[in-house]
N, C-alpha and C. Protein backbone atom coordinates (compact mmCIF):
# COMPACT_ATOMS: atom_id res chain seq x y z
N MET A 1 -97.96 1.48 -73.06
CA MET A 1 -97.30 0.47 -72.27
C MET A 1 -95.87 0.89 -71.92
N VAL A 2 -95.14 1.46 -72.88
CA VAL A 2 -93.78 1.91 -72.63
C VAL A 2 -93.79 3.08 -71.65
N ILE A 3 -94.72 4.02 -71.84
CA ILE A 3 -94.82 5.17 -70.95
C ILE A 3 -95.17 4.71 -69.54
N GLU A 4 -96.10 3.76 -69.43
CA GLU A 4 -96.51 3.25 -68.12
C GLU A 4 -95.33 2.58 -67.42
N SER A 5 -94.53 1.81 -68.14
CA SER A 5 -93.36 1.15 -67.58
C SER A 5 -92.33 2.16 -67.09
N ALA A 6 -92.10 3.21 -67.88
CA ALA A 6 -91.15 4.25 -67.49
C ALA A 6 -91.64 5.00 -66.27
N LEU A 7 -92.95 5.26 -66.19
CA LEU A 7 -93.53 5.95 -65.05
C LEU A 7 -93.39 5.11 -63.78
N ILE A 8 -93.64 3.82 -63.86
CA ILE A 8 -93.49 2.94 -62.70
C ILE A 8 -92.04 2.91 -62.25
N ASP A 9 -91.11 2.81 -63.20
CA ASP A 9 -89.68 2.82 -62.88
C ASP A 9 -89.29 4.11 -62.17
N CYS A 10 -89.80 5.23 -62.66
CA CYS A 10 -89.50 6.54 -62.07
C CYS A 10 -90.07 6.62 -60.66
N MET A 11 -91.30 6.15 -60.47
CA MET A 11 -91.94 6.19 -59.15
C MET A 11 -91.19 5.33 -58.15
N GLU A 12 -90.67 4.18 -58.60
CA GLU A 12 -89.90 3.32 -57.71
C GLU A 12 -88.61 4.01 -57.27
N LYS A 13 -87.97 4.72 -58.16
CA LYS A 13 -86.74 5.44 -57.80
C LYS A 13 -87.02 6.56 -56.81
N VAL A 14 -88.11 7.29 -57.00
CA VAL A 14 -88.46 8.38 -56.11
C VAL A 14 -88.84 7.84 -54.73
N ALA A 15 -89.55 6.72 -54.69
CA ALA A 15 -90.02 6.16 -53.42
C ALA A 15 -88.95 5.35 -52.69
N SER A 16 -87.82 5.14 -53.31
CA SER A 16 -86.75 4.35 -52.70
C SER A 16 -86.30 4.98 -51.40
N PRO A 17 -86.29 4.22 -50.29
CA PRO A 17 -85.88 4.78 -49.00
C PRO A 17 -84.38 5.03 -48.89
N GLU A 18 -83.59 4.45 -49.75
CA GLU A 18 -82.15 4.62 -49.70
C GLU A 18 -81.73 5.68 -50.71
N THR A 19 -81.29 6.81 -50.19
CA THR A 19 -80.81 7.88 -51.05
C THR A 19 -79.36 8.11 -50.72
N PHE A 20 -78.52 8.07 -51.71
CA PHE A 20 -77.09 8.28 -51.50
C PHE A 20 -76.75 9.72 -51.85
N ILE A 21 -76.11 10.39 -50.91
CA ILE A 21 -75.62 11.74 -51.15
C ILE A 21 -74.11 11.71 -50.96
N ASP A 22 -73.41 12.14 -51.96
CA ASP A 22 -71.96 12.15 -51.93
C ASP A 22 -71.45 12.91 -50.69
N PRO A 23 -70.60 12.29 -49.87
CA PRO A 23 -70.09 12.96 -48.66
C PRO A 23 -69.38 14.29 -48.96
N GLN A 24 -68.72 14.40 -50.11
CA GLN A 24 -68.06 15.66 -50.46
C GLN A 24 -69.08 16.77 -50.68
N LEU A 25 -70.23 16.40 -51.27
CA LEU A 25 -71.30 17.38 -51.47
C LEU A 25 -71.86 17.83 -50.12
N LEU A 26 -72.06 16.90 -49.21
CA LEU A 26 -72.54 17.26 -47.87
C LEU A 26 -71.56 18.19 -47.17
N GLU A 27 -70.27 17.90 -47.29
CA GLU A 27 -69.24 18.74 -46.67
C GLU A 27 -69.27 20.15 -47.27
N GLN A 28 -69.44 20.23 -48.59
CA GLN A 28 -69.50 21.52 -49.26
C GLN A 28 -70.72 22.31 -48.79
N LEU A 29 -71.87 21.64 -48.66
CA LEU A 29 -73.08 22.32 -48.19
C LEU A 29 -72.89 22.82 -46.77
N GLU A 30 -72.25 22.04 -45.93
CA GLU A 30 -71.99 22.45 -44.55
C GLU A 30 -71.09 23.68 -44.52
N GLU A 31 -70.09 23.71 -45.38
CA GLU A 31 -69.16 24.83 -45.43
C GLU A 31 -69.84 26.11 -45.90
N GLU A 32 -70.88 25.99 -46.72
CA GLU A 32 -71.54 27.16 -47.27
C GLU A 32 -72.58 27.77 -46.32
N ARG A 33 -72.87 27.11 -45.23
CA ARG A 33 -73.81 27.65 -44.26
C ARG A 33 -73.20 28.89 -43.61
N SER A 34 -74.04 29.66 -42.97
CA SER A 34 -73.54 30.83 -42.28
C SER A 34 -74.27 30.99 -40.95
N ILE A 35 -73.70 31.81 -40.09
CA ILE A 35 -74.28 32.11 -38.80
C ILE A 35 -74.68 33.58 -38.82
N ILE A 36 -75.91 33.85 -38.46
CA ILE A 36 -76.45 35.21 -38.47
C ILE A 36 -76.62 35.68 -37.03
N VAL A 37 -76.06 36.85 -36.73
CA VAL A 37 -76.18 37.42 -35.39
C VAL A 37 -76.80 38.81 -35.52
N HIS A 38 -78.01 38.95 -34.97
CA HIS A 38 -78.68 40.24 -34.90
C HIS A 38 -78.18 40.91 -33.62
N CYS A 39 -77.50 42.02 -33.77
CA CYS A 39 -76.82 42.67 -32.65
C CYS A 39 -77.54 43.94 -32.21
N LYS A 40 -77.42 44.22 -30.93
CA LYS A 40 -77.85 45.52 -30.42
C LYS A 40 -76.81 45.96 -29.41
N ILE A 41 -76.61 47.28 -29.37
CA ILE A 41 -75.64 47.86 -28.44
C ILE A 41 -76.13 49.24 -28.03
N PHE A 42 -75.94 49.57 -26.78
CA PHE A 42 -76.30 50.91 -26.33
C PHE A 42 -75.15 51.82 -26.72
N SER A 43 -75.38 52.65 -27.72
CA SER A 43 -74.30 53.48 -28.26
C SER A 43 -74.23 54.86 -27.64
N GLY A 44 -75.31 55.30 -27.01
CA GLY A 44 -75.28 56.58 -26.30
C GLY A 44 -74.89 57.77 -27.14
N GLY A 45 -75.25 57.78 -28.42
CA GLY A 45 -74.97 58.93 -29.28
C GLY A 45 -73.67 58.85 -30.06
N ASP A 46 -72.90 57.79 -29.87
CA ASP A 46 -71.64 57.65 -30.61
C ASP A 46 -71.87 57.09 -32.01
N PHE A 47 -70.94 57.40 -32.89
CA PHE A 47 -70.92 56.78 -34.21
C PHE A 47 -70.36 55.37 -34.05
N LEU A 48 -70.73 54.48 -34.97
CA LEU A 48 -70.31 53.08 -34.89
C LEU A 48 -69.66 52.64 -36.18
N ARG A 49 -68.94 51.54 -36.08
CA ARG A 49 -68.39 50.82 -37.24
C ARG A 49 -68.03 49.44 -36.74
N ILE A 50 -67.84 48.51 -37.65
CA ILE A 50 -67.41 47.15 -37.28
C ILE A 50 -66.15 46.85 -38.07
N TRP A 51 -65.20 46.22 -37.44
CA TRP A 51 -63.97 45.84 -38.13
C TRP A 51 -64.14 44.46 -38.76
N LYS A 52 -63.46 44.26 -39.89
CA LYS A 52 -63.47 42.94 -40.55
C LYS A 52 -62.84 41.87 -39.65
N THR A 53 -62.10 42.30 -38.65
CA THR A 53 -61.46 41.38 -37.71
C THR A 53 -62.40 41.11 -36.52
N THR A 54 -63.66 40.85 -36.85
CA THR A 54 -64.66 40.46 -35.86
C THR A 54 -64.94 38.98 -36.08
N TYR A 55 -64.94 38.21 -35.00
CA TYR A 55 -65.04 36.76 -35.11
C TYR A 55 -66.06 36.19 -34.13
N LEU A 56 -66.53 35.01 -34.46
CA LEU A 56 -67.22 34.17 -33.48
C LEU A 56 -66.16 33.20 -33.00
N THR A 57 -65.97 33.11 -31.70
CA THR A 57 -64.91 32.26 -31.17
C THR A 57 -65.46 31.27 -30.16
N GLN A 58 -64.96 30.05 -30.26
CA GLN A 58 -65.29 29.04 -29.27
C GLN A 58 -64.61 29.45 -27.96
N GLN A 59 -65.19 29.05 -26.83
CA GLN A 59 -64.70 29.52 -25.54
C GLN A 59 -63.21 29.25 -25.33
N ASN A 60 -62.72 28.11 -25.77
CA ASN A 60 -61.29 27.81 -25.59
C ASN A 60 -60.43 28.38 -26.72
N GLY A 61 -61.06 29.04 -27.69
CA GLY A 61 -60.33 29.70 -28.76
C GLY A 61 -59.84 28.79 -29.87
N SER A 62 -60.21 27.50 -29.84
CA SER A 62 -59.69 26.57 -30.84
C SER A 62 -60.39 26.71 -32.20
N GLU A 63 -61.60 27.25 -32.22
CA GLU A 63 -62.32 27.45 -33.47
C GLU A 63 -62.78 28.89 -33.55
N ARG A 64 -62.79 29.44 -34.77
CA ARG A 64 -63.35 30.76 -34.94
C ARG A 64 -63.92 30.89 -36.35
N ALA A 65 -64.94 31.74 -36.46
CA ALA A 65 -65.59 32.00 -37.74
C ALA A 65 -65.41 33.48 -38.07
N SER A 66 -65.05 33.76 -39.30
CA SER A 66 -64.80 35.14 -39.74
C SER A 66 -66.08 35.83 -40.18
N LEU A 67 -66.06 37.15 -40.08
CA LEU A 67 -67.17 37.98 -40.54
C LEU A 67 -67.20 37.96 -42.06
N LEU A 68 -68.39 37.71 -42.61
CA LEU A 68 -68.57 37.72 -44.07
C LEU A 68 -69.24 39.01 -44.54
N PHE A 69 -70.33 39.41 -43.85
CA PHE A 69 -71.10 40.59 -44.25
C PHE A 69 -71.57 41.34 -43.01
N ALA A 70 -71.76 42.63 -43.17
CA ALA A 70 -72.33 43.46 -42.11
C ALA A 70 -73.49 44.26 -42.72
N LEU A 71 -74.64 44.23 -42.07
CA LEU A 71 -75.82 44.93 -42.55
C LEU A 71 -76.22 46.01 -41.54
N GLN A 72 -76.56 47.16 -42.01
CA GLN A 72 -76.97 48.33 -41.22
C GLN A 72 -75.85 48.89 -40.35
N ILE A 73 -74.61 48.60 -40.67
CA ILE A 73 -73.45 49.18 -39.99
C ILE A 73 -72.31 49.24 -41.00
N SER A 74 -71.46 50.24 -40.87
CA SER A 74 -70.34 50.36 -41.82
C SER A 74 -69.13 49.57 -41.34
N ILE A 75 -68.27 49.25 -42.31
CA ILE A 75 -67.03 48.54 -42.04
C ILE A 75 -65.93 49.59 -41.82
N ALA A 76 -65.11 49.39 -40.77
CA ALA A 76 -63.99 50.31 -40.50
C ALA A 76 -63.12 50.41 -41.74
N PRO A 77 -62.66 51.59 -42.06
CA PRO A 77 -62.53 52.78 -41.24
C PRO A 77 -63.73 53.73 -41.31
N GLN A 78 -64.76 53.42 -42.09
CA GLN A 78 -65.94 54.29 -42.19
C GLN A 78 -66.76 54.22 -40.91
N TRP A 79 -67.39 55.33 -40.55
CA TRP A 79 -68.24 55.41 -39.37
C TRP A 79 -69.68 55.68 -39.82
N CYS A 80 -70.64 55.28 -39.00
CA CYS A 80 -72.04 55.57 -39.30
C CYS A 80 -72.80 55.84 -38.00
N PHE A 81 -73.93 56.49 -38.13
CA PHE A 81 -74.77 56.78 -36.98
C PHE A 81 -76.06 56.00 -37.17
N ILE A 82 -76.33 55.04 -36.32
CA ILE A 82 -77.50 54.18 -36.49
C ILE A 82 -78.37 54.12 -35.24
N GLU A 83 -78.16 55.02 -34.32
CA GLU A 83 -78.88 54.99 -33.05
C GLU A 83 -80.35 55.34 -33.21
N ARG A 84 -81.17 54.64 -32.45
CA ARG A 84 -82.60 54.98 -32.37
C ARG A 84 -82.80 55.97 -31.22
N ALA A 85 -84.00 56.48 -31.09
CA ALA A 85 -84.31 57.47 -30.06
C ALA A 85 -84.07 56.94 -28.64
N ASP A 86 -84.17 55.63 -28.45
CA ASP A 86 -83.97 55.06 -27.11
C ASP A 86 -82.50 54.83 -26.77
N GLY A 87 -81.57 55.21 -27.68
CA GLY A 87 -80.14 55.08 -27.42
C GLY A 87 -79.52 53.77 -27.88
N TRP A 88 -80.33 52.83 -28.37
CA TRP A 88 -79.83 51.53 -28.84
C TRP A 88 -79.58 51.57 -30.34
N SER A 89 -78.56 50.86 -30.77
CA SER A 89 -78.25 50.69 -32.19
C SER A 89 -78.39 49.22 -32.53
N TYR A 90 -78.94 48.93 -33.71
CA TYR A 90 -79.19 47.56 -34.14
C TYR A 90 -78.53 47.33 -35.50
N PHE A 91 -77.93 46.16 -35.67
CA PHE A 91 -77.34 45.78 -36.94
C PHE A 91 -77.21 44.26 -36.98
N THR A 92 -76.92 43.74 -38.16
CA THR A 92 -76.82 42.28 -38.34
C THR A 92 -75.47 41.93 -38.92
N LEU A 93 -74.87 40.88 -38.37
CA LEU A 93 -73.58 40.38 -38.85
C LEU A 93 -73.75 38.94 -39.32
N ILE A 94 -73.11 38.62 -40.44
CA ILE A 94 -73.17 37.27 -40.99
C ILE A 94 -71.75 36.71 -41.00
N PHE A 95 -71.61 35.54 -40.40
CA PHE A 95 -70.31 34.89 -40.23
C PHE A 95 -70.25 33.55 -40.95
N GLU A 96 -69.02 33.10 -41.17
CA GLU A 96 -68.82 31.73 -41.63
C GLU A 96 -69.43 30.80 -40.58
N THR A 97 -69.65 29.56 -40.97
CA THR A 97 -70.18 28.61 -40.00
C THR A 97 -69.08 28.10 -39.09
N LEU A 98 -69.48 27.54 -37.99
CA LEU A 98 -68.58 26.85 -37.07
C LEU A 98 -68.86 25.36 -37.16
N PRO A 99 -67.90 24.51 -36.83
CA PRO A 99 -68.17 23.07 -36.85
C PRO A 99 -69.36 22.72 -35.95
N LYS A 100 -70.08 21.68 -36.32
CA LYS A 100 -71.28 21.29 -35.58
C LYS A 100 -71.01 21.00 -34.11
N TYR A 101 -69.83 20.53 -33.77
CA TYR A 101 -69.55 20.17 -32.38
C TYR A 101 -69.40 21.40 -31.47
N VAL A 102 -69.27 22.59 -32.04
CA VAL A 102 -69.18 23.81 -31.23
C VAL A 102 -70.58 24.11 -30.69
N ARG A 103 -70.74 24.08 -29.38
CA ARG A 103 -72.04 24.26 -28.74
C ARG A 103 -72.27 25.67 -28.20
N SER A 104 -71.20 26.45 -28.07
CA SER A 104 -71.35 27.84 -27.63
C SER A 104 -70.17 28.64 -28.17
N PHE A 105 -70.39 29.93 -28.30
CA PHE A 105 -69.37 30.81 -28.85
C PHE A 105 -69.65 32.23 -28.38
N ALA A 106 -68.69 33.10 -28.59
CA ALA A 106 -68.84 34.52 -28.28
C ALA A 106 -68.45 35.32 -29.50
N LEU A 107 -68.96 36.52 -29.60
CA LEU A 107 -68.58 37.44 -30.66
C LEU A 107 -67.50 38.34 -30.09
N GLN A 108 -66.44 38.54 -30.88
CA GLN A 108 -65.35 39.39 -30.42
C GLN A 108 -64.78 40.18 -31.59
N GLU A 109 -64.69 41.49 -31.41
CA GLU A 109 -64.08 42.37 -32.40
C GLU A 109 -62.62 42.58 -31.97
N VAL A 110 -61.70 42.07 -32.76
CA VAL A 110 -60.28 42.15 -32.45
C VAL A 110 -59.70 43.36 -33.18
N ILE A 111 -59.40 44.42 -32.40
CA ILE A 111 -58.95 45.67 -33.02
C ILE A 111 -57.72 46.20 -32.29
N PRO A 112 -56.94 47.07 -32.96
CA PRO A 112 -55.70 47.58 -32.37
C PRO A 112 -55.89 48.80 -31.47
N GLU A 113 -57.05 48.93 -30.88
CA GLU A 113 -57.34 50.05 -30.00
C GLU A 113 -58.41 49.63 -29.01
N PRO A 114 -58.60 50.36 -27.92
CA PRO A 114 -59.65 50.01 -26.97
C PRO A 114 -61.04 50.27 -27.57
N GLY A 115 -62.04 49.61 -27.01
CA GLY A 115 -63.42 49.88 -27.43
C GLY A 115 -64.01 48.89 -28.40
N GLY A 116 -63.41 47.73 -28.58
CA GLY A 116 -63.98 46.71 -29.47
C GLY A 116 -65.25 46.11 -28.88
N PHE A 117 -66.11 45.60 -29.74
CA PHE A 117 -67.34 44.95 -29.29
C PHE A 117 -67.04 43.53 -28.82
N TYR A 118 -67.87 43.05 -27.90
CA TYR A 118 -67.85 41.63 -27.54
C TYR A 118 -69.22 41.26 -26.99
N SER A 119 -69.49 39.99 -26.97
CA SER A 119 -70.76 39.49 -26.43
C SER A 119 -70.49 38.49 -25.33
N ALA A 120 -71.52 38.22 -24.57
CA ALA A 120 -71.47 37.11 -23.62
C ALA A 120 -71.51 35.82 -24.44
N LEU A 121 -71.30 34.71 -23.78
CA LEU A 121 -71.34 33.40 -24.44
C LEU A 121 -72.73 33.16 -25.03
N ILE A 122 -72.79 32.73 -26.27
CA ILE A 122 -74.04 32.46 -26.98
C ILE A 122 -74.17 30.95 -27.14
N GLN A 123 -75.31 30.39 -26.72
CA GLN A 123 -75.55 28.96 -26.86
C GLN A 123 -76.03 28.66 -28.27
N ARG A 124 -75.43 27.67 -28.91
CA ARG A 124 -75.74 27.29 -30.29
C ARG A 124 -77.14 26.71 -30.38
N ASN A 125 -77.84 27.01 -31.48
CA ASN A 125 -79.14 26.42 -31.75
C ASN A 125 -79.16 25.80 -33.14
N LYS A 126 -80.26 25.18 -33.51
CA LYS A 126 -80.35 24.49 -34.79
C LYS A 126 -80.44 25.43 -35.99
N THR A 127 -80.92 26.64 -35.78
CA THR A 127 -81.12 27.57 -36.90
C THR A 127 -79.88 28.39 -37.23
N ASP A 128 -78.95 28.52 -36.28
CA ASP A 128 -77.77 29.37 -36.42
C ASP A 128 -78.14 30.83 -36.68
N VAL A 129 -79.24 31.27 -36.10
CA VAL A 129 -79.66 32.67 -36.11
C VAL A 129 -79.80 33.08 -34.65
N TYR A 130 -79.15 34.19 -34.29
CA TYR A 130 -79.05 34.59 -32.88
C TYR A 130 -79.30 36.07 -32.69
N GLU A 131 -79.61 36.43 -31.45
CA GLU A 131 -79.68 37.82 -31.04
C GLU A 131 -78.64 37.99 -29.93
N ALA A 132 -77.88 39.07 -30.01
CA ALA A 132 -76.83 39.29 -29.00
C ALA A 132 -76.80 40.77 -28.62
N THR A 133 -76.68 40.99 -27.33
CA THR A 133 -76.44 42.34 -26.83
C THR A 133 -74.94 42.50 -26.69
N LEU A 134 -74.38 43.48 -27.37
CA LEU A 134 -72.94 43.68 -27.37
C LEU A 134 -72.54 44.69 -26.31
N MET A 135 -71.30 44.58 -25.88
CA MET A 135 -70.71 45.50 -24.93
C MET A 135 -69.40 46.01 -25.52
N TYR A 136 -68.89 47.09 -24.94
CA TYR A 136 -67.60 47.63 -25.36
C TYR A 136 -66.50 47.07 -24.49
N ASP A 137 -65.38 46.77 -25.12
CA ASP A 137 -64.21 46.24 -24.41
C ASP A 137 -63.60 47.34 -23.56
């Protein structure tokens, strides 16, 4: 009888349509999200690297997300050769998240010399996983 009562109480709590989630916890979860950009660039036989000063930027520049990780490409000052036989190089960049109200952004490598990467404007989606063809500045 006691076990049955506890089980009913537990089932009522699980089935309750009102679930409270602390707003601070929701904010923390939102902050921990990331944006993944699968990149390709026609490198034409050149060595590549990515600078830590690569950002996702809102068109008006009011918001930006910093690079967190780079996969299949080295971080400057190191260089790497990742070109395939067709002349294209592929790598993945992981960035901090942008606020939900940002609907489009561009990737921009901010470096103290010519030749930084950039992308065309990327439209935001629900998954925050994107493919971008990069160009040289």
